[in-house]
Amino acid sequence: MSKYRVGIIGAGIMGDIHARVYRLNPLTELVAVADINKNKAQAFAERFEIPSAYDQFDEMFDECDLDIVSVCTPDFAHAQPTIAAANKKINVLVEKPLATNVQDALEIIKAAKDNEVKVMAQFSHRWVPAYRQAKDLINRPEAGGPVLAYTRKNDIISVPTEMIAGWVNQTTPAWFLSSHDIDLVCWYFGVEPVEVYANAVFKVLKARGFNTPDAIQAQVKFADGSLATFEACWIYPNTFPTMVDSWVQIVCENQVIHLDRKYEQIEIATPSKYEYPRNLLAYHFENDEVHGAVPLSINHFIRCVDENLEPLVTLESSLTVTRILDAIQKSVETNSRIYLS
């Protein structure tokens, strides 16, 4: 049986995880990688035994006859390769968010529908067992409808100043962090957002020469009157015992759900530090296998392509996330309430 030919755009952290998953899935074979840094693309290709490396994704599309492409570029650089791939009739798995403005998201959706290909934004948190269990609990009639949500996703300061320093000025903690939480809450609530108000703080990172907020808090009102607050901050001291302090609370009419991903079920103390190692999204085993929510979501997309299924994360739901994030950005810039049509 022939395998699906896969290309990866972006030879960074997420591209590495995607490559490991595709390499082990019996339905796929890695045939090409593209990165604007050709040396980086070539090193990536050597590491994963990929035949072809490019510095232009359109050249990769023209030469490699791809069935699937993973777009693992920075937040602001998702739309162009996703639209181009769809127009080449290539199925696309794109890292979250789908796009960083509404118009780009709409163009992605149009390209996917016009060319009858599958496009899914990689909102991998839906595959974390606890988050999926929360969805099932919220859907039970005895729970009553959701009333209130509060989410917190805060990073240590090395994330903006080191890990993504090269492009941090082209994103915000809301786009980079809250996008996952917004997707979860919209999935849980199942109703349309209608109103957004947000504030941002510019202090610590500004003093270090970065043009992005330290923190953003946003409140979203939904059509049924329910409310959600989204907090994103990335100036925690690097001594914090985990990279991400992640918390979700959902208050329903008859129940309250708390989801604390800070610990991820394991704590470790050594002579030099105390930490909470991360493992629920992607944990690398010694034999190069990757386990967790991220590989589950990637393999889900492969199955959707193979069996012609509708992905769990729809384009319409991803558009809603982009609409909210775009409204958060506009609210911060104008210090005003934004109404969603």
C-alpha atoms as a PDB file:
ATOM      1  CA  MET A   1       0.000   0.000   0.000  1.00  0.00           C
ATOM      2  CA  SER A   2       1.355   3.414  -0.932  1.00  0.00           C
ATOM      3  CA  LYS A   3       1.873   5.882   1.886  1.00  0.00           C
ATOM      4  CA  TYR A   4       0.791   9.504   2.138  1.00  0.00           C
ATOM      5  CA  ARG A   5       3.645  11.783   1.144  1.00  0.00           C
ATOM      6  CA  VAL A   6       4.265  14.390   3.842  1.00  0.00           C
ATOM      7  CA  GLY A   7       6.124  17.686   3.900  1.00  0.00           C
ATOM      8  CA  ILE A   8       6.886  19.915   6.873  1.00  0.00           C
ATOM      9  CA  ILE A   9       7.183  23.704   6.802  1.00  0.00           C
ATOM     10  CA  GLY A  10       9.202  25.037   9.716  1.00  0.00           C
ATOM     11  CA  ALA A  11      12.181  23.121  11.110  1.00  0.00           C
ATOM     12  CA  GLY A  12      11.771  24.233  14.712  1.00  0.00           C
ATOM     13  CA  ILE A  13      10.447  22.756  17.947  1.00  0.00           C
ATOM     14  CA  MET A  14       6.999  21.818  16.653  1.00  0.00           C
ATOM     15  CA  GLY A  15       8.324  20.677  13.294  1.00  0.00           C
ATOM     16  CA  ASP A  16      10.540  18.237  15.181  1.00  0.00           C
ATOM     17  CA  ILE A  17       7.556  16.728  16.996  1.00  0.00           C
ATOM     18  CA  HIS A  18       5.486  16.481  13.815  1.00  0.00           C
ATOM     19  CA  ALA A  19       8.362  14.734  12.027  1.00  0.00           C
ATOM     20  CA  ARG A  20       8.708  12.126  14.769  1.00  0.00           C
ATOM     21  CA  VAL A  21       5.001  11.321  14.615  1.00  0.00           C
ATOM     22  CA  TYR A  22       4.830  11.079  10.824  1.00  0.00           C
ATOM     23  CA  ARG A  23       7.939   8.905  10.741  1.00  0.00           C
ATOM     24  CA  LEU A  24       6.330   6.322  13.011  1.00  0.00           C
ATOM     25  CA  ASN A  25       2.829   6.346  11.509  1.00  0.00           C
ATOM     26  CA  PRO A  26       2.494   3.412   9.061  1.00  0.00           C
ATOM     27  CA  LEU A  27       0.319   5.505   6.727  1.00  0.00           C
ATOM     28  CA  THR A  28       2.834   8.297   6.112  1.00  0.00           C
ATOM     29  CA  GLU A  29       6.334   8.924   4.799  1.00  0.00           C
ATOM     30  CA  LEU A  30       8.341  12.115   5.191  1.00  0.00           C
ATOM     31  CA  VAL A  31       9.577  13.288   1.802  1.00  0.00           C
ATOM     32  CA  ALA A  32      10.416  16.992   2.224  1.00  0.00           C
ATOM     33  CA  VAL A  33      10.999  19.849   4.646  1.00  0.00           C
ATOM     34  CA  ALA A  34      11.068  23.595   4.031  1.00  0.00           C
ATOM     35  CA  ASP A  35      12.442  26.378   6.210  1.00  0.00           C
ATOM     36  CA  ILE A  36      13.474  29.926   5.322  1.00  0.00           C
ATOM     37  CA  ASN A  37      16.883  28.983   6.751  1.00  0.00           C
ATOM     38  CA  LYS A  38      18.185  26.474   4.192  1.00  0.00           C
ATOM     39  CA  ASN A  39      20.942  25.211   6.504  1.00  0.00           C
ATOM     40  CA  LYS A  40      18.359  24.528   9.181  1.00  0.00           C
ATOM     41  CA  ALA A  41      16.173  22.687   6.676  1.00  0.00           C
ATOM     42  CA  GLN A  42      19.106  20.557   5.514  1.00  0.00           C
ATOM     43  CA  ALA A  43      20.114  19.667   9.072  1.00  0.00           C
ATOM     44  CA  PHE A  44      16.492  18.737   9.818  1.00  0.00           C
ATOM     45  CA  ALA A  45      16.356  16.565   6.698  1.00  0.00           C
ATOM     46  CA  GLU A  46      19.543  14.751   7.699  1.00  0.00           C
ATOM     47  CA  ARG A  47      18.272  14.161  11.235  1.00  0.00           C
ATOM     48  CA  PHE A  48      15.031  12.585  10.044  1.00  0.00           C
ATOM     49  CA  GLU A  49      16.366  11.011   6.821  1.00  0.00           C
ATOM     50  CA  ILE A  50      14.126  13.197   4.649  1.00  0.00           C
ATOM     51  CA  PRO A  51      15.102  13.156   0.953  1.00  0.00           C
ATOM     52  CA  SER A  52      14.549  16.829   0.092  1.00  0.00           C
ATOM     53  CA  ALA A  53      15.119  20.165   1.842  1.00  0.00           C
ATOM     54  CA  TYR A  54      14.018  23.592   0.622  1.00  0.00           C
ATOM     55  CA  ASP A  55      14.086  27.219   1.683  1.00  0.00           C
ATOM     56  CA  GLN A  56      10.877  28.007  -0.265  1.00  0.00           C
ATOM     57  CA  PHE A  57       7.687  26.092   0.429  1.00  0.00           C
ATOM     58  CA  ASP A  58       6.217  26.774  -3.025  1.00  0.00           C
ATOM     59  CA  GLU A  59       9.205  25.051  -4.625  1.00  0.00           C
ATOM     60  CA  MET A  60       8.601  22.073  -2.329  1.00  0.00           C
ATOM     61  CA  PHE A  61       4.944  21.979  -3.403  1.00  0.00           C
ATOM     62  CA  ASP A  62       5.874  22.066  -7.099  1.00  0.00           C
ATOM     63  CA  GLU A  63       8.447  19.282  -6.913  1.00  0.00           C
ATOM     64  CA  CYS A  64       7.323  16.802  -4.252  1.00  0.00           C
ATOM     65  CA  ASP A  65       3.729  15.731  -5.048  1.00  0.00           C
ATOM     66  CA  LEU A  66       2.639  15.994  -1.406  1.00  0.00           C
ATOM     67  CA  ASP A  67      -0.547  14.589   0.124  1.00  0.00           C
ATOM     68  CA  ILE A  68      -0.177  16.244   3.548  1.00  0.00           C
ATOM     69  CA  VAL A  69       1.796  19.191   4.849  1.00  0.00           C
ATOM     70  CA  SER A  70       2.315  20.350   8.426  1.00  0.00           C
ATOM     71  CA  VAL A  71       2.693  24.117   8.818  1.00  0.00           C
ATOM     72  CA  CYS A  72       4.893  24.620  11.884  1.00  0.00           C
ATOM     73  CA  THR A  73       5.877  28.243  11.338  1.00  0.00           C
ATOM     74  CA  PRO A  74       5.539  31.129  13.839  1.00  0.00           C
ATOM     75  CA  ASP A  75       2.020  32.394  14.627  1.00  0.00           C
ATOM     76  CA  PHE A  76       2.065  35.241  12.102  1.00  0.00           C
ATOM     77  CA  ALA A  77       3.293  33.014   9.254  1.00  0.00           C
ATOM     78  CA  HIS A  78       0.527  30.403   9.098  1.00  0.00           C
ATOM     79  CA  ALA A  79      -1.809  31.777   6.446  1.00  0.00           C
ATOM     80  CA  GLN A  80       0.370  32.048   3.337  1.00  0.00           C
ATOM     81  CA  PRO A  81       1.711  28.459   3.261  1.00  0.00           C
ATOM     82  CA  THR A  82      -1.655  27.030   4.336  1.00  0.00           C
ATOM     83  CA  ILE A  83      -3.528  28.786   1.526  1.00  0.00           C
ATOM     84  CA  ALA A  84      -0.828  27.891  -0.997  1.00  0.00           C
ATOM     85  CA  ALA A  85      -0.913  24.221   0.020  1.00  0.00           C
ATOM     86  CA  ALA A  86      -4.705  24.024  -0.153  1.00  0.00           C
ATOM     87  CA  ASN A  87      -4.617  25.579  -3.627  1.00  0.00           C
ATOM     88  CA  LYS A  88      -2.227  22.770  -4.613  1.00  0.00           C
ATOM     89  CA  LYS A  89      -4.820  20.289  -3.287  1.00  0.00           C
ATOM     90  CA  ILE A  90      -2.615  19.305  -0.339  1.00  0.00           C
ATOM     91  CA  ASN A  91      -4.227  18.507   3.021  1.00  0.00           C
ATOM     92  CA  VAL A  92      -2.912  20.816   5.747  1.00  0.00           C
ATOM     93  CA  LEU A  93      -2.326  20.451   9.473  1.00  0.00           C
ATOM     94  CA  VAL A  94      -1.431  23.934  10.709  1.00  0.00           C
ATOM     95  CA  GLU A  95      -0.180  24.795  14.166  1.00  0.00           C
ATOM     96  CA  LYS A  96      -2.484  26.998  16.241  1.00  0.00           C
ATOM     97  CA  PRO A  97      -3.841  29.581  15.725  1.00  0.00           C
ATOM     98  CA  LEU A  98      -5.339  29.082  12.269  1.00  0.00           C
ATOM     99  CA  ALA A  99      -4.397  32.668  11.365  1.00  0.00           C
ATOM    100  CA  THR A 100      -3.691  35.946  13.135  1.00  0.00           C
ATOM    101  CA  ASN A 101      -6.436  37.942  11.464  1.00  0.00           C
ATOM    102  CA  VAL A 102      -9.971  37.170  10.370  1.00  0.00           C
ATOM    103  CA  GLN A 103      -9.440  37.846   6.669  1.00  0.00           C
ATOM    104  CA  ASP A 104      -6.592  35.331   6.459  1.00  0.00           C
ATOM    105  CA  ALA A 105      -8.699  32.741   8.291  1.00  0.00           C
ATOM    106  CA  LEU A 106     -11.564  33.266   5.831  1.00  0.00           C
ATOM    107  CA  GLU A 107      -9.178  32.865   2.891  1.00  0.00           C
ATOM    108  CA  ILE A 108      -7.876  29.598   4.350  1.00  0.00           C
ATOM    109  CA  ILE A 109     -11.427  28.293   4.683  1.00  0.00           C
ATOM    110  CA  LYS A 110     -12.264  29.310   1.115  1.00  0.00           C
ATOM    111  CA  ALA A 111      -9.139  27.621  -0.259  1.00  0.00           C
ATOM    112  CA  ALA A 112      -9.907  24.427   1.667  1.00  0.00           C
ATOM    113  CA  LYS A 113     -13.502  24.290   0.425  1.00  0.00           C
ATOM    114  CA  ASP A 114     -12.723  25.284  -3.167  1.00  0.00           C
ATOM    115  CA  ASN A 115     -10.079  22.561  -3.436  1.00  0.00           C
ATOM    116  CA  GLU A 116     -11.901  19.949  -1.335  1.00  0.00           C
ATOM    117  CA  VAL A 117      -8.970  19.329   0.998  1.00  0.00           C
ATOM    118  CA  LYS A 118      -8.826  18.909   4.744  1.00  0.00           C
ATOM    119  CA  VAL A 119      -7.329  21.676   6.861  1.00  0.00           C
ATOM    120  CA  MET A 120      -7.126  21.434  10.645  1.00  0.00           C
ATOM    121  CA  ALA A 121      -5.646  23.831  13.180  1.00  0.00           C
ATOM    122  CA  GLN A 122      -3.545  22.002  15.743  1.00  0.00           C
ATOM    123  CA  PHE A 123      -5.492  22.720  18.939  1.00  0.00           C
ATOM    124  CA  SER A 124      -3.987  19.685  20.628  1.00  0.00           C
ATOM    125  CA  HIS A 125      -5.406  20.388  24.096  1.00  0.00           C
ATOM    126  CA  ARG A 126      -8.633  18.688  23.015  1.00  0.00           C
ATOM    127  CA  TRP A 127      -6.695  15.402  23.175  1.00  0.00           C
ATOM    128  CA  VAL A 128      -5.504  15.841  26.780  1.00  0.00           C
ATOM    129  CA  PRO A 129      -7.595  13.198  28.598  1.00  0.00           C
ATOM    130  CA  ALA A 130      -8.617  15.500  31.469  1.00  0.00           C
ATOM    131  CA  TYR A 131      -9.778  18.222  29.080  1.00  0.00           C
ATOM    132  CA  ARG A 132     -11.747  15.685  27.062  1.00  0.00           C
ATOM    133  CA  GLN A 133     -13.275  14.282  30.252  1.00  0.00           C
ATOM    134  CA  ALA A 134     -14.301  17.819  31.233  1.00  0.00           C
ATOM    135  CA  LYS A 135     -16.091  18.176  27.884  1.00  0.00           C
ATOM    136  CA  ASP A 136     -18.044  14.981  28.566  1.00  0.00           C
ATOM    137  CA  LEU A 137     -18.954  16.125  32.090  1.00  0.00           C
ATOM    138  CA  ILE A 138     -20.112  19.541  30.893  1.00  0.00           C
ATOM    139  CA  ASN A 139     -22.327  17.909  28.257  1.00  0.00           C
ATOM    140  CA  ARG A 140     -24.242  15.875  30.841  1.00  0.00           C
ATOM    141  CA  PRO A 141     -27.781  17.229  31.339  1.00  0.00           C
ATOM    142  CA  GLU A 142     -27.424  17.149  35.126  1.00  0.00           C
ATOM    143  CA  ALA A 143     -24.507  19.602  34.937  1.00  0.00           C
ATOM    144  CA  GLY A 144     -26.669  22.439  33.689  1.00  0.00           C
ATOM    145  CA  GLY A 145     -25.272  24.866  31.165  1.00  0.00           C
ATOM    146  CA  PRO A 146     -21.895  26.616  31.537  1.00  0.00           C
ATOM    147  CA  VAL A 147     -22.086  29.957  33.345  1.00  0.00           C
ATOM    148  CA  LEU A 148     -18.503  31.105  33.846  1.00  0.00           C
ATOM    149  CA  ALA A 149     -14.981  30.188  32.771  1.00  0.00           C
ATOM    150  CA  TYR A 150     -11.593  31.386  33.946  1.00  0.00           C
ATOM    151  CA  THR A 151      -8.384  30.292  32.266  1.00  0.00           C
ATOM    152  CA  ARG A 152      -4.758  31.067  33.011  1.00  0.00           C
ATOM    153  CA  LYS A 153      -1.847  30.151  30.786  1.00  0.00           C
ATOM    154  CA  ASN A 154       1.341  31.878  31.967  1.00  0.00           C
ATOM    155  CA  ASP A 155       4.920  31.199  30.855  1.00  0.00           C
ATOM    156  CA  ILE A 156       8.346  31.805  32.312  1.00  0.00           C
ATOM    157  CA  ILE A 157      10.162  34.812  30.871  1.00  0.00           C
ATOM    158  CA  SER A 158      12.679  32.780  28.862  1.00  0.00           C
ATOM    159  CA  VAL A 159       9.874  31.866  26.451  1.00  0.00           C
ATOM    160  CA  PRO A 160       9.525  35.378  24.969  1.00  0.00           C
ATOM    161  CA  THR A 161      13.131  36.463  25.584  1.00  0.00           C
ATOM    162  CA  GLU A 162      14.922  33.300  24.419  1.00  0.00           C
ATOM    163  CA  MET A 163      12.743  30.544  22.960  1.00  0.00           C
ATOM    164  CA  ILE A 164      10.845  32.731  20.459  1.00  0.00           C
ATOM    165  CA  ALA A 165      12.887  35.937  20.748  1.00  0.00           C
ATOM    166  CA  GLY A 166      13.342  36.103  16.975  1.00  0.00           C
ATOM    167  CA  TRP A 167       9.645  36.671  16.341  1.00  0.00           C
ATOM    168  CA  VAL A 168       8.116  37.562  19.706  1.00  0.00           C
ATOM    169  CA  ASN A 169       7.427  41.141  18.564  1.00  0.00           C
ATOM    170  CA  GLN A 170       5.066  39.697  15.953  1.00  0.00           C
ATOM    171  CA  THR A 171       2.841  37.925  18.454  1.00  0.00           C
ATOM    172  CA  THR A 172       1.346  38.443  21.910  1.00  0.00           C
ATOM    173  CA  PRO A 173       0.757  36.216  24.938  1.00  0.00           C
ATOM    174  CA  ALA A 174      -2.879  35.999  23.855  1.00  0.00           C
ATOM    175  CA  TRP A 175      -2.077  34.652  20.384  1.00  0.00           C
ATOM    176  CA  PHE A 176       0.699  32.396  21.662  1.00  0.00           C
ATOM    177  CA  LEU A 177      -0.927  31.115  24.876  1.00  0.00           C
ATOM    178  CA  SER A 178      -4.633  31.946  25.172  1.00  0.00           C
ATOM    179  CA  SER A 179      -5.492  30.494  21.769  1.00  0.00           C
ATOM    180  CA  HIS A 180      -5.568  26.985  23.263  1.00  0.00           C
ATOM    181  CA  ASP A 181      -7.778  28.095  26.156  1.00  0.00           C
ATOM    182  CA  ILE A 182     -10.156  30.028  23.910  1.00  0.00           C
ATOM    183  CA  ASP A 183     -10.578  26.942  21.739  1.00  0.00           C
ATOM    184  CA  LEU A 184     -11.323  24.809  24.800  1.00  0.00           C
ATOM    185  CA  VAL A 185     -13.863  27.206  26.298  1.00  0.00           C
ATOM    186  CA  CYS A 186     -15.689  27.703  22.988  1.00  0.00           C
ATOM    187  CA  TRP A 187     -15.752  23.906  22.582  1.00  0.00           C
ATOM    188  CA  TYR A 188     -17.124  23.523  26.101  1.00  0.00           C
ATOM    189  CA  PHE A 189     -19.713  26.312  25.874  1.00  0.00           C
ATOM    190  CA  GLY A 190     -21.008  25.532  22.380  1.00  0.00           C
ATOM    191  CA  VAL A 191     -22.409  29.044  21.829  1.00  0.00           C
ATOM    192  CA  GLU A 192     -21.214  32.025  19.828  1.00  0.00           C
ATOM    193  CA  PRO A 193     -19.100  34.792  21.387  1.00  0.00           C
ATOM    194  CA  VAL A 194     -20.675  38.232  21.065  1.00  0.00           C
ATOM    195  CA  GLU A 195     -18.534  40.715  22.990  1.00  0.00           C
ATOM    196  CA  VAL A 196     -14.858  41.146  23.953  1.00  0.00           C
ATOM    197  CA  TYR A 197     -13.015  43.537  26.240  1.00  0.00           C
ATOM    198  CA  ALA A 198      -9.290  43.300  27.024  1.00  0.00           C
ATOM    199  CA  ASN A 199      -6.406  45.103  28.703  1.00  0.00           C
ATOM    200  CA  ALA A 200      -2.652  44.619  28.414  1.00  0.00           C
ATOM    201  CA  VAL A 201       0.416  45.515  30.471  1.00  0.00           C
ATOM    202  CA  PHE A 202       3.666  46.749  28.879  1.00  0.00           C
ATOM    203  CA  LYS A 203       6.441  46.974  31.491  1.00  0.00           C
ATOM    204  CA  VAL A 204       8.995  44.214  31.935  1.00  0.00           C
ATOM    205  CA  LEU A 205       9.488  43.165  28.316  1.00  0.00           C
ATOM    206  CA  LYS A 206       9.347  46.747  27.086  1.00  0.00           C
ATOM    207  CA  ALA A 207      12.235  47.581  29.429  1.00  0.00           C
ATOM    208  CA  ARG A 208      14.207  44.741  27.797  1.00  0.00           C
ATOM    209  CA  GLY A 209      13.592  46.072  24.302  1.00  0.00           C
ATOM    210  CA  PHE A 210      10.684  43.843  23.259  1.00  0.00           C
ATOM    211  CA  ASN A 211       7.498  45.237  21.718  1.00  0.00           C
ATOM    212  CA  THR A 212       4.925  42.817  23.084  1.00  0.00           C
ATOM    213  CA  PRO A 213       2.750  42.804  26.215  1.00  0.00           C
ATOM    214  CA  ASP A 214       3.847  41.263  29.506  1.00  0.00           C
ATOM    215  CA  ALA A 215       0.299  40.160  30.155  1.00  0.00           C
ATOM    216  CA  ILE A 216      -3.214  40.321  28.727  1.00  0.00           C
ATOM    217  CA  GLN A 217      -6.538  39.732  30.430  1.00  0.00           C
ATOM    218  CA  ALA A 218      -9.653  39.470  28.286  1.00  0.00           C
ATOM    219  CA  GLN A 219     -13.308  38.925  29.082  1.00  0.00           C
ATOM    220  CA  VAL A 220     -15.593  37.363  26.505  1.00  0.00           C
ATOM    221  CA  LYS A 221     -19.384  37.363  26.676  1.00  0.00           C
ATOM    222  CA  PHE A 222     -21.301  34.627  24.875  1.00  0.00           C
ATOM    223  CA  ALA A 223     -24.722  34.682  23.228  1.00  0.00           C
ATOM    224  CA  ASP A 224     -26.411  32.944  26.179  1.00  0.00           C
ATOM    225  CA  GLY A 225     -24.987  35.455  28.674  1.00  0.00           C
ATOM    226  CA  SER A 226     -22.174  33.225  29.956  1.00  0.00           C
ATOM    227  CA  LEU A 227     -18.761  34.799  30.573  1.00  0.00           C
ATOM    228  CA  ALA A 228     -15.140  33.726  30.191  1.00  0.00           C
ATOM    229  CA  THR A 229     -11.933  35.396  31.347  1.00  0.00           C
ATOM    230  CA  PHE A 230      -8.666  34.565  29.597  1.00  0.00           C
ATOM    231  CA  GLU A 231      -5.361  35.421  31.268  1.00  0.00           C
ATOM    232  CA  ALA A 232      -2.019  35.138  29.495  1.00  0.00           C
ATOM    233  CA  CYS A 233       1.307  36.291  30.898  1.00  0.00           C
ATOM    234  CA  TRP A 234       4.893  35.377  30.090  1.00  0.00           C
ATOM    235  CA  ILE A 235       7.100  37.116  32.640  1.00  0.00           C
ATOM    236  CA  TYR A 236       7.202  34.484  35.399  1.00  0.00           C
ATOM    237  CA  PRO A 237      10.754  34.120  36.803  1.00  0.00           C
ATOM    238  CA  ASN A 238      12.710  31.305  35.198  1.00  0.00           C
ATOM    239  CA  THR A 239      12.957  29.729  38.653  1.00  0.00           C
ATOM    240  CA  PHE A 240       9.262  28.803  38.465  1.00  0.00           C
ATOM    241  CA  PRO A 241       9.182  24.982  38.569  1.00  0.00           C
ATOM    242  CA  THR A 242       7.477  24.551  35.197  1.00  0.00           C
ATOM    243  CA  MET A 243       7.515  26.407  31.897  1.00  0.00           C
ATOM    244  CA  VAL A 244       3.728  26.809  31.844  1.00  0.00           C
ATOM    245  CA  ASP A 245       1.331  27.587  34.675  1.00  0.00           C
ATOM    246  CA  SER A 246      -1.920  26.347  33.143  1.00  0.00           C
ATOM    247  CA  TRP A 247      -5.317  26.422  34.850  1.00  0.00           C
ATOM    248  CA  VAL A 248      -8.915  26.145  33.634  1.00  0.00           C
ATOM    249  CA  GLN A 249     -12.067  26.562  35.716  1.00  0.00           C
ATOM    250  CA  ILE A 250     -15.553  25.954  34.344  1.00  0.00           C
ATOM    251  CA  VAL A 251     -18.567  26.859  36.477  1.00  0.00           C
ATOM    252  CA  CYS A 252     -21.827  25.279  35.341  1.00  0.00           C
ATOM    253  CA  GLU A 253     -25.290  25.659  36.842  1.00  0.00           C
ATOM    254  CA  ASN A 254     -24.814  22.532  38.959  1.00  0.00           C
ATOM    255  CA  GLN A 255     -21.091  21.765  38.953  1.00  0.00           C
ATOM    256  CA  VAL A 256     -17.601  23.266  39.031  1.00  0.00           C
ATOM    257  CA  ILE A 257     -14.626  21.788  37.167  1.00  0.00           C
ATOM    258  CA  HIS A 258     -10.983  22.663  37.911  1.00  0.00           C
ATOM    259  CA  LEU A 259      -8.240  21.594  35.499  1.00  0.00           C
ATOM    260  CA  ASP A 260      -4.729  22.223  36.808  1.00  0.00           C
ATOM    261  CA  ARG A 261      -1.993  21.278  34.331  1.00  0.00           C
ATOM    262  CA  LYS A 262       0.822  22.873  36.281  1.00  0.00           C
ATOM    263  CA  TYR A 263       1.974  19.599  37.863  1.00  0.00           C
ATOM    264  CA  GLU A 264       1.192  17.107  35.073  1.00  0.00           C
ATOM    265  CA  GLN A 265       1.198  14.306  37.677  1.00  0.00           C
ATOM    266  CA  ILE A 266       4.901  14.358  38.516  1.00  0.00           C
ATOM    267  CA  GLU A 267       7.229  16.448  40.688  1.00  0.00           C
ATOM    268  CA  ILE A 268      10.990  16.087  41.036  1.00  0.00           C
ATOM    269  CA  ALA A 269      13.563  17.592  43.382  1.00  0.00           C
ATOM    270  CA  THR A 270      17.304  17.573  42.637  1.00  0.00           C
ATOM    271  CA  PRO A 271      20.229  19.324  44.360  1.00  0.00           C
ATOM    272  CA  SER A 272      19.883  22.239  41.918  1.00  0.00           C
ATOM    273  CA  LYS A 273      16.135  22.740  41.480  1.00  0.00           C
ATOM    274  CA  TYR A 274      12.564  21.669  42.123  1.00  0.00           C
ATOM    275  CA  GLU A 275      10.406  21.193  39.045  1.00  0.00           C
ATOM    276  CA  TYR A 276       7.221  19.842  37.506  1.00  0.00           C
ATOM    277  CA  PRO A 277       8.281  18.077  34.269  1.00  0.00           C
ATOM    278  CA  ARG A 278       5.882  18.362  31.347  1.00  0.00           C
ATOM    279  CA  ASN A 279       4.525  15.204  29.733  1.00  0.00           C
ATOM    280  CA  LEU A 280       0.842  15.495  28.773  1.00  0.00           C
ATOM    281  CA  LEU A 281       1.296  17.263  25.430  1.00  0.00           C
ATOM    282  CA  ALA A 282       4.442  15.597  24.081  1.00  0.00           C
ATOM    283  CA  TYR A 283       6.874  13.350  25.924  1.00  0.00           C
ATOM    284  CA  HIS A 284       9.856  11.926  23.995  1.00  0.00           C
ATOM    285  CA  PHE A 285      10.714   8.306  24.700  1.00  0.00           C
ATOM    286  CA  GLU A 286      14.255   6.970  24.227  1.00  0.00           C
ATOM    287  CA  ASN A 287      13.326   5.146  21.017  1.00  0.00           C
ATOM    288  CA  ASP A 288      12.222   8.442  19.369  1.00  0.00           C
ATOM    289  CA  GLU A 289       8.541   7.796  19.982  1.00  0.00           C
ATOM    290  CA  VAL A 290       6.473  10.779  21.089  1.00  0.00           C
ATOM    291  CA  HIS A 291       3.466  10.268  23.332  1.00  0.00           C
ATOM    292  CA  GLY A 292       0.824  12.723  24.468  1.00  0.00           C
ATOM    293  CA  ALA A 293      -1.914  14.972  23.129  1.00  0.00           C
ATOM    294  CA  VAL A 294       0.132  16.417  20.254  1.00  0.00           C
ATOM    295  CA  PRO A 295       0.888  13.074  18.559  1.00  0.00           C
ATOM    296  CA  LEU A 296      -2.702  11.971  19.188  1.00  0.00           C
ATOM    297  CA  SER A 297      -3.988  15.018  17.324  1.00  0.00           C
ATOM    298  CA  ILE A 298      -1.531  14.555  14.447  1.00  0.00           C
ATOM    299  CA  ASN A 299      -2.494  10.902  14.060  1.00  0.00           C
ATOM    300  CA  HIS A 300      -6.168  11.938  14.205  1.00  0.00           C
ATOM    301  CA  PHE A 301      -5.606  14.227  11.229  1.00  0.00           C
ATOM    302  CA  ILE A 302      -3.856  11.457   9.286  1.00  0.00           C
ATOM    303  CA  ARG A 303      -6.835   9.200   9.967  1.00  0.00           C
ATOM    304  CA  CYS A 304      -9.236  11.935   8.799  1.00  0.00           C
ATOM    305  CA  VAL A 305      -7.350  12.163   5.505  1.00  0.00           C
ATOM    306  CA  ASP A 306      -7.210   8.387   5.116  1.00  0.00           C
ATOM    307  CA  GLU A 307     -10.868   7.728   5.978  1.00  0.00           C
ATOM    308  CA  ASN A 308     -12.339  11.013   4.712  1.00  0.00           C
ATOM    309  CA  LEU A 309     -13.557  12.055   8.172  1.00  0.00           C
ATOM    310  CA  GLU A 310     -14.379  15.509   9.516  1.00  0.00           C
ATOM    311  CA  PRO A 311     -11.585  16.610  11.885  1.00  0.00           C
ATOM    312  CA  LEU A 312     -12.495  17.127  15.535  1.00  0.00           C
ATOM    313  CA  VAL A 313     -11.212  20.711  15.256  1.00  0.00           C
ATOM    314  CA  THR A 314     -13.284  22.257  12.479  1.00  0.00           C
ATOM    315  CA  LEU A 315     -12.319  25.258  10.399  1.00  0.00           C
ATOM    316  CA  GLU A 316     -15.396  27.071  11.660  1.00  0.00           C
ATOM    317  CA  SER A 317     -14.377  26.597  15.304  1.00  0.00           C
ATOM    318  CA  SER A 318     -10.852  27.765  14.510  1.00  0.00           C
ATOM    319  CA  LEU A 319     -12.275  30.851  12.794  1.00  0.00           C
ATOM    320  CA  THR A 320     -14.163  31.633  16.011  1.00  0.00           C
ATOM    321  CA  VAL A 321     -10.903  31.485  17.977  1.00  0.00           C
ATOM    322  CA  THR A 322      -9.258  33.871  15.509  1.00  0.00           C
ATOM    323  CA  ARG A 323     -12.247  36.227  15.686  1.00  0.00           C
ATOM    324  CA  ILE A 324     -11.939  36.388  19.483  1.00  0.00           C
ATOM    325  CA  LEU A 325      -8.165  36.864  19.407  1.00  0.00           C
ATOM    326  CA  ASP A 326      -8.464  39.547  16.742  1.00  0.00           C
ATOM    327  CA  ALA A 327     -11.059  41.323  18.908  1.00  0.00           C
ATOM    328  CA  ILE A 328      -8.753  41.071  21.940  1.00  0.00           C
ATOM    329  CA  GLN A 329      -6.001  42.754  19.938  1.00  0.00           C
ATOM    330  CA  LYS A 330      -8.348  45.517  18.767  1.00  0.00           C
ATOM    331  CA  SER A 331      -9.708  46.030  22.285  1.00  0.00           C
ATOM    332  CA  VAL A 332      -6.195  46.437  23.683  1.00  0.00           C
ATOM    333  CA  GLU A 333      -5.274  48.895  20.928  1.00  0.00           C
ATOM    334  CA  THR A 334      -8.441  51.011  21.230  1.00  0.00           C
ATOM    335  CA  ASN A 335      -9.256  50.529  24.927  1.00  0.00           C
ATOM    336  CA  SER A 336     -12.826  49.769  23.921  1.00  0.00           C
ATOM    337  CA  ARG A 337     -15.359  46.972  23.927  1.00  0.00           C
ATOM    338  CA  ILE A 338     -15.488  45.018  20.662  1.00  0.00           C
ATOM    339  CA  TYR A 339     -18.772  43.549  19.445  1.00  0.00           C
ATOM    340  CA  LEU A 340     -18.652  40.467  17.249  1.00  0.00           C
ATOM    341  CA  SER A 341     -21.172  40.289  14.424  1.00  0.00           C
END
